[in-house]
Amino acid sequence: QVQLVESGGGLVQPGGSLRLSCAASGIIFRWYDMGWYRQAPGKQRELVATITSGGSTNYADSVKARFAISRHNAKNTVYLQMNSLEPEDTAVYYCNAVGPFMSNNYWGQGTQVTVSS
């Protein structure tokens, strides 16, 4: 059974930082491309950042220079370090895992991030 379990969300003031974690089980983690997506109320889910099995990263323009995605294959975990948070970053953040040749696509349950004073 595949599980992606996000943690680290919460309430933070503008300009603050949070680190999200996504622990994967039931997959050969090092083979998977991993990503973070977010969905704000009334909006479509959007890509935040991705990291390939080889470690290449990609970011949405809105988070470049503020967010950093990383992975620890020995811990089966992907991280999203979020700095200089803005109210516009408020959303539910979802972890995503895509298998080799897009053979599988899995989602976590999401974690809420709220940026507010």
C-alpha atoms as a PDB file:
ATOM      1  CA  GLN A   1       0.000   0.000   0.000  1.00  0.00           C
ATOM      2  CA  VAL A   2       1.410   3.333  -1.077  1.00  0.00           C
ATOM      3  CA  GLN A   3       1.294   6.189   1.391  1.00  0.00           C
ATOM      4  CA  LEU A   4       2.493   9.763   1.148  1.00  0.00           C
ATOM      5  CA  VAL A   5       2.189  11.523   4.487  1.00  0.00           C
ATOM      6  CA  GLU A   6       2.736  15.287   4.627  1.00  0.00           C
ATOM      7  CA  SER A   7       3.593  17.193   7.771  1.00  0.00           C
ATOM      8  CA  GLY A   8       4.890  20.579   8.833  1.00  0.00           C
ATOM      9  CA  GLY A   9       2.023  22.823   7.839  1.00  0.00           C
ATOM     10  CA  GLY A  10       0.520  25.426  10.112  1.00  0.00           C
ATOM     11  CA  LEU A  11      -0.081  29.104  10.733  1.00  0.00           C
ATOM     12  CA  VAL A  12       2.808  31.500  10.150  1.00  0.00           C
ATOM     13  CA  GLN A  13       3.125  35.273   9.915  1.00  0.00           C
ATOM     14  CA  PRO A  14       4.091  36.970   6.649  1.00  0.00           C
ATOM     15  CA  GLY A  15       7.835  36.808   6.171  1.00  0.00           C
ATOM     16  CA  GLY A  16       8.097  33.634   8.201  1.00  0.00           C
ATOM     17  CA  SER A  17       9.304  30.166   7.272  1.00  0.00           C
ATOM     18  CA  LEU A  18       8.008  26.617   7.322  1.00  0.00           C
ATOM     19  CA  ARG A  19       9.447  23.287   6.254  1.00  0.00           C
ATOM     20  CA  LEU A  20       7.087  20.690   4.874  1.00  0.00           C
ATOM     21  CA  SER A  21       7.971  17.008   4.860  1.00  0.00           C
ATOM     22  CA  CYS A  22       6.481  14.125   2.904  1.00  0.00           C
ATOM     23  CA  ALA A  23       7.297  10.612   4.035  1.00  0.00           C
ATOM     24  CA  ALA A  24       6.713   7.930   1.424  1.00  0.00           C
ATOM     25  CA  SER A  25       6.125   4.240   1.910  1.00  0.00           C
ATOM     26  CA  GLY A  26       5.171   1.390  -0.389  1.00  0.00           C
ATOM     27  CA  ILE A  27       7.269   2.670  -3.302  1.00  0.00           C
ATOM     28  CA  ILE A  28      10.917   2.458  -4.325  1.00  0.00           C
ATOM     29  CA  PHE A  29      11.390   6.093  -3.425  1.00  0.00           C
ATOM     30  CA  ARG A  30      14.670   6.684  -5.246  1.00  0.00           C
ATOM     31  CA  TRP A  31      13.040   5.768  -8.552  1.00  0.00           C
ATOM     32  CA  TYR A  32      10.309   8.377  -8.237  1.00  0.00           C
ATOM     33  CA  ASP A  33      10.103  11.990  -9.278  1.00  0.00           C
ATOM     34  CA  MET A  34       8.613  13.923  -6.368  1.00  0.00           C
ATOM     35  CA  GLY A  35       6.704  17.166  -6.263  1.00  0.00           C
ATOM     36  CA  TRP A  36       4.790  19.655  -4.187  1.00  0.00           C
ATOM     37  CA  TYR A  37       1.544  21.175  -5.395  1.00  0.00           C
ATOM     38  CA  ARG A  38      -0.869  23.537  -3.708  1.00  0.00           C
ATOM     39  CA  GLN A  39      -4.509  24.449  -3.940  1.00  0.00           C
ATOM     40  CA  ALA A  40      -5.989  27.641  -2.552  1.00  0.00           C
ATOM     41  CA  PRO A  41      -9.730  28.027  -1.929  1.00  0.00           C
ATOM     42  CA  GLY A  42     -11.592  28.524  -5.194  1.00  0.00           C
ATOM     43  CA  LYS A  43      -8.490  27.912  -7.300  1.00  0.00           C
ATOM     44  CA  GLN A  44      -7.069  25.008  -9.255  1.00  0.00           C
ATOM     45  CA  ARG A  45      -4.246  22.892  -7.926  1.00  0.00           C
ATOM     46  CA  GLU A  46      -0.922  24.271  -9.129  1.00  0.00           C
ATOM     47  CA  LEU A  47       2.651  23.086  -9.265  1.00  0.00           C
ATOM     48  CA  VAL A  48       4.982  24.508  -6.622  1.00  0.00           C
ATOM     49  CA  ALA A  49       8.190  22.535  -7.098  1.00  0.00           C
ATOM     50  CA  THR A  50       9.443  19.201  -8.383  1.00  0.00           C
ATOM     51  CA  ILE A  51      12.591  17.157  -7.961  1.00  0.00           C
ATOM     52  CA  THR A  52      13.479  14.275 -10.223  1.00  0.00           C
ATOM     53  CA  SER A  53      14.922  10.941  -9.177  1.00  0.00           C
ATOM     54  CA  GLY A  54      18.256  12.334 -10.308  1.00  0.00           C
ATOM     55  CA  GLY A  55      17.923  15.479  -8.212  1.00  0.00           C
ATOM     56  CA  SER A  56      17.013  18.063 -10.851  1.00  0.00           C
ATOM     57  CA  THR A  57      14.620  20.700  -9.562  1.00  0.00           C
ATOM     58  CA  ASN A  58      11.948  22.919 -11.056  1.00  0.00           C
ATOM     59  CA  TYR A  59       9.943  25.729  -9.450  1.00  0.00           C
ATOM     60  CA  ALA A  60       6.911  27.838 -10.141  1.00  0.00           C
ATOM     61  CA  ASP A  61       7.946  31.415 -10.902  1.00  0.00           C
ATOM     62  CA  SER A  62       5.981  32.648  -7.889  1.00  0.00           C
ATOM     63  CA  VAL A  63       8.158  30.719  -5.423  1.00  0.00           C
ATOM     64  CA  LYS A  64      11.594  30.822  -7.048  1.00  0.00           C
ATOM     65  CA  ALA A  65      14.265  32.188  -4.686  1.00  0.00           C
ATOM     66  CA  ARG A  66      11.919  31.692  -1.710  1.00  0.00           C
ATOM     67  CA  PHE A  67      11.246  27.937  -1.674  1.00  0.00           C
ATOM     68  CA  ALA A  68      13.623  24.986  -1.929  1.00  0.00           C
ATOM     69  CA  ILE A  69      12.741  21.368  -2.604  1.00  0.00           C
ATOM     70  CA  SER A  70      15.067  18.557  -1.549  1.00  0.00           C
ATOM     71  CA  ARG A  71      14.974  14.831  -1.006  1.00  0.00           C
ATOM     72  CA  HIS A  72      16.607  12.316   1.290  1.00  0.00           C
ATOM     73  CA  ASN A  73      16.411   8.930  -0.399  1.00  0.00           C
ATOM     74  CA  ALA A  74      17.623   6.989   2.634  1.00  0.00           C
ATOM     75  CA  LYS A  75      14.698   8.434   4.617  1.00  0.00           C
ATOM     76  CA  ASN A  76      12.165   8.148   1.772  1.00  0.00           C
ATOM     77  CA  THR A  77      11.330  11.781   2.371  1.00  0.00           C
ATOM     78  CA  VAL A  78      10.959  14.916   0.288  1.00  0.00           C
ATOM     79  CA  TYR A  79      11.056  18.384   1.827  1.00  0.00           C
ATOM     80  CA  LEU A  80       9.880  21.840   0.912  1.00  0.00           C
ATOM     81  CA  GLN A  81      11.632  24.684   2.697  1.00  0.00           C
ATOM     82  CA  MET A  82       9.474  27.791   2.424  1.00  0.00           C
ATOM     83  CA  ASN A  83      10.946  31.175   3.313  1.00  0.00           C
ATOM     84  CA  SER A  84       9.640  34.735   3.091  1.00  0.00           C
ATOM     85  CA  LEU A  85       6.097  33.434   3.123  1.00  0.00           C
ATOM     86  CA  GLU A  86       3.347  35.659   1.793  1.00  0.00           C
ATOM     87  CA  PRO A  87      -0.424  35.577   2.341  1.00  0.00           C
ATOM     88  CA  GLU A  88      -0.721  34.429  -1.284  1.00  0.00           C
ATOM     89  CA  ASP A  89       1.089  31.214  -0.288  1.00  0.00           C
ATOM     90  CA  THR A  90      -1.905  30.184   1.832  1.00  0.00           C
ATOM     91  CA  ALA A  91      -3.163  26.851   0.496  1.00  0.00           C
ATOM     92  CA  VAL A  92      -3.335  23.134   1.087  1.00  0.00           C
ATOM     93  CA  TYR A  93       0.006  21.685   0.019  1.00  0.00           C
ATOM     94  CA  TYR A  94       0.069  18.217  -1.533  1.00  0.00           C
ATOM     95  CA  CYS A  95       2.917  15.796  -2.045  1.00  0.00           C
ATOM     96  CA  ASN A  96       3.079  13.942  -5.367  1.00  0.00           C
ATOM     97  CA  ALA A  97       5.056  10.916  -6.544  1.00  0.00           C
ATOM     98  CA  VAL A  98       5.415   9.922 -10.190  1.00  0.00           C
ATOM     99  CA  GLY A  99       6.936   6.574 -11.100  1.00  0.00           C
ATOM    100  CA  PRO A 100       9.388   5.773 -13.914  1.00  0.00           C
ATOM    101  CA  PHE A 101       7.940   6.542 -17.356  1.00  0.00           C
ATOM    102  CA  MET A 102       4.914   7.985 -15.509  1.00  0.00           C
ATOM    103  CA  SER A 103       3.833   4.461 -14.634  1.00  0.00           C
ATOM    104  CA  ASN A 104       2.266   5.516 -11.348  1.00  0.00           C
ATOM    105  CA  ASN A 105       0.998   8.757  -9.860  1.00  0.00           C
ATOM    106  CA  TYR A 106       0.306   9.086  -6.149  1.00  0.00           C
ATOM    107  CA  TRP A 107      -0.913  11.938  -3.948  1.00  0.00           C
ATOM    108  CA  GLY A 108      -0.765  12.666  -0.251  1.00  0.00           C
ATOM    109  CA  GLN A 109      -3.697  13.908   1.788  1.00  0.00           C
ATOM    110  CA  GLY A 110      -2.411  17.466   2.004  1.00  0.00           C
ATOM    111  CA  THR A 111      -1.293  19.800   4.755  1.00  0.00           C
ATOM    112  CA  GLN A 112      -2.684  23.278   5.373  1.00  0.00           C
ATOM    113  CA  VAL A 113      -0.383  26.295   5.253  1.00  0.00           C
ATOM    114  CA  THR A 114      -1.860  29.600   6.368  1.00  0.00           C
ATOM    115  CA  VAL A 115       0.108  32.829   6.144  1.00  0.00           C
ATOM    116  CA  SER A 116      -1.562  35.566   8.133  1.00  0.00           C
ATOM    117  CA  SER A 117      -0.828  38.213  10.708  1.00  0.00           C
END
